[in-house]
Amino acid sequence: MTSRDSVELELLSVLVQRIAALSDGRDLANIGFLVPELARPRLHTGAEFVISEGLRTVTRAEARELAG
């Protein structure tokens, strides 16, 4: 595998607070990081996340707005 094909995987612990169910079937949620300084360099509007419990993917998420 070349470096061009490799994907950097970074696992961070998160807290998810569901705040609303949207009419299109998606959920709106607040996502907090247990160690925010590790997440900060990768956070931006449009950033995509895979949220898992152990090896099982629970959901996918997209950052729509960043707080402070």
C-alpha atoms as a PDB file:
ATOM      1  CA  MET A   1       0.000   0.000   0.000  1.00  0.00           C
ATOM      2  CA  THR A   2       1.404   3.395  -0.904  1.00  0.00           C
ATOM      3  CA  SER A   3       1.084   6.423   1.339  1.00  0.00           C
ATOM      4  CA  ARG A   4      -1.381   7.814  -1.200  1.00  0.00           C
ATOM      5  CA  ASP A   5      -3.681   4.848  -0.534  1.00  0.00           C
ATOM      6  CA  SER A   6      -3.333   4.818   3.236  1.00  0.00           C
ATOM      7  CA  VAL A   7      -5.965   6.288   5.512  1.00  0.00           C
ATOM      8  CA  GLU A   8      -5.011   7.796   8.831  1.00  0.00           C
ATOM      9  CA  LEU A   9      -7.221   6.346  11.553  1.00  0.00           C
ATOM     10  CA  GLU A  10      -7.551   8.233  14.789  1.00  0.00           C
ATOM     11  CA  LEU A  11      -9.790   6.906  17.538  1.00  0.00           C
ATOM     12  CA  LEU A  12     -11.155   9.388  20.054  1.00  0.00           C
ATOM     13  CA  SER A  13     -13.670   8.929  22.850  1.00  0.00           C
ATOM     14  CA  VAL A  14     -16.852  10.942  22.365  1.00  0.00           C
ATOM     15  CA  LEU A  15     -20.055  11.773  24.170  1.00  0.00           C
ATOM     16  CA  VAL A  16     -23.159  11.979  21.975  1.00  0.00           C
ATOM     17  CA  GLN A  17     -26.296  13.817  23.062  1.00  0.00           C
ATOM     18  CA  ARG A  18     -29.232  13.408  20.682  1.00  0.00           C
ATOM     19  CA  ILE A  19     -31.197  16.668  20.665  1.00  0.00           C
ATOM     20  CA  ALA A  20     -33.724  16.230  17.842  1.00  0.00           C
ATOM     21  CA  ALA A  21     -35.071  13.867  15.221  1.00  0.00           C
ATOM     22  CA  LEU A  22     -35.183  15.528  11.800  1.00  0.00           C
ATOM     23  CA  SER A  23     -38.049  15.021   9.344  1.00  0.00           C
ATOM     24  CA  ASP A  24     -35.737  13.222   6.881  1.00  0.00           C
ATOM     25  CA  GLY A  25     -35.002  10.458   9.403  1.00  0.00           C
ATOM     26  CA  ARG A  26     -31.635  11.798  10.539  1.00  0.00           C
ATOM     27  CA  ASP A  27     -30.831  12.887  14.092  1.00  0.00           C
ATOM     28  CA  LEU A  28     -29.355  16.153  15.293  1.00  0.00           C
ATOM     29  CA  ALA A  29     -26.853  15.659  18.125  1.00  0.00           C
ATOM     30  CA  ASN A  30     -24.204  17.409  20.160  1.00  0.00           C
ATOM     31  CA  ILE A  31     -20.886  15.587  20.066  1.00  0.00           C
ATOM     32  CA  GLY A  32     -18.299  16.242  22.761  1.00  0.00           C
ATOM     33  CA  PHE A  33     -14.783  14.864  22.940  1.00  0.00           C
ATOM     34  CA  LEU A  34     -13.294  13.541  26.177  1.00  0.00           C
ATOM     35  CA  VAL A  35      -9.937  15.028  25.169  1.00  0.00           C
ATOM     36  CA  PRO A  36     -10.918  18.013  22.977  1.00  0.00           C
ATOM     37  CA  GLU A  37      -7.364  19.127  22.276  1.00  0.00           C
ATOM     38  CA  LEU A  38      -6.754  15.875  20.355  1.00  0.00           C
ATOM     39  CA  ALA A  39      -9.828  16.441  18.171  1.00  0.00           C
ATOM     40  CA  ARG A  40      -9.422  20.187  17.573  1.00  0.00           C
ATOM     41  CA  PRO A  41      -6.888  19.964  14.696  1.00  0.00           C
ATOM     42  CA  ARG A  42      -9.307  17.841  12.657  1.00  0.00           C
ATOM     43  CA  LEU A  43     -12.554  19.667  13.463  1.00  0.00           C
ATOM     44  CA  HIS A  44     -14.133  21.850  10.823  1.00  0.00           C
ATOM     45  CA  THR A  45     -17.579  22.340   9.363  1.00  0.00           C
ATOM     46  CA  GLY A  46     -18.201  19.388   7.058  1.00  0.00           C
ATOM     47  CA  ALA A  47     -15.834  17.031   8.906  1.00  0.00           C
ATOM     48  CA  GLU A  48     -17.146  13.461   8.769  1.00  0.00           C
ATOM     49  CA  PHE A  49     -17.035  10.952  11.618  1.00  0.00           C
ATOM     50  CA  VAL A  50     -17.643   7.253  12.036  1.00  0.00           C
ATOM     51  CA  ILE A  51     -18.982   6.581  15.519  1.00  0.00           C
ATOM     52  CA  SER A  52     -18.398   3.079  16.828  1.00  0.00           C
ATOM     53  CA  GLU A  53     -18.771   0.989  19.930  1.00  0.00           C
ATOM     54  CA  GLY A  54     -15.778  -1.271  19.953  1.00  0.00           C
ATOM     55  CA  LEU A  55     -15.432  -2.699  16.441  1.00  0.00           C
ATOM     56  CA  ARG A  56     -19.108  -2.120  15.557  1.00  0.00           C
ATOM     57  CA  THR A  57     -19.998   1.000  13.571  1.00  0.00           C
ATOM     58  CA  VAL A  58     -23.004   2.661  15.209  1.00  0.00           C
ATOM     59  CA  THR A  59     -23.486   5.619  12.877  1.00  0.00           C
ATOM     60  CA  ARG A  60     -21.836   8.188  10.678  1.00  0.00           C
ATOM     61  CA  ALA A  61     -21.913  11.912  11.436  1.00  0.00           C
ATOM     62  CA  GLU A  62     -21.047  15.233   9.858  1.00  0.00           C
ATOM     63  CA  ALA A  63     -20.070  18.409  11.694  1.00  0.00           C
ATOM     64  CA  ARG A  64     -22.602  21.062  10.730  1.00  0.00           C
ATOM     65  CA  GLU A  65     -21.652  23.690  13.305  1.00  0.00           C
ATOM     66  CA  LEU A  66     -18.771  24.079  15.759  1.00  0.00           C
ATOM     67  CA  ALA A  67     -19.187  25.540  19.223  1.00  0.00           C
ATOM     68  CA  GLY A  68     -16.547  27.688  20.941  1.00  0.00           C
END
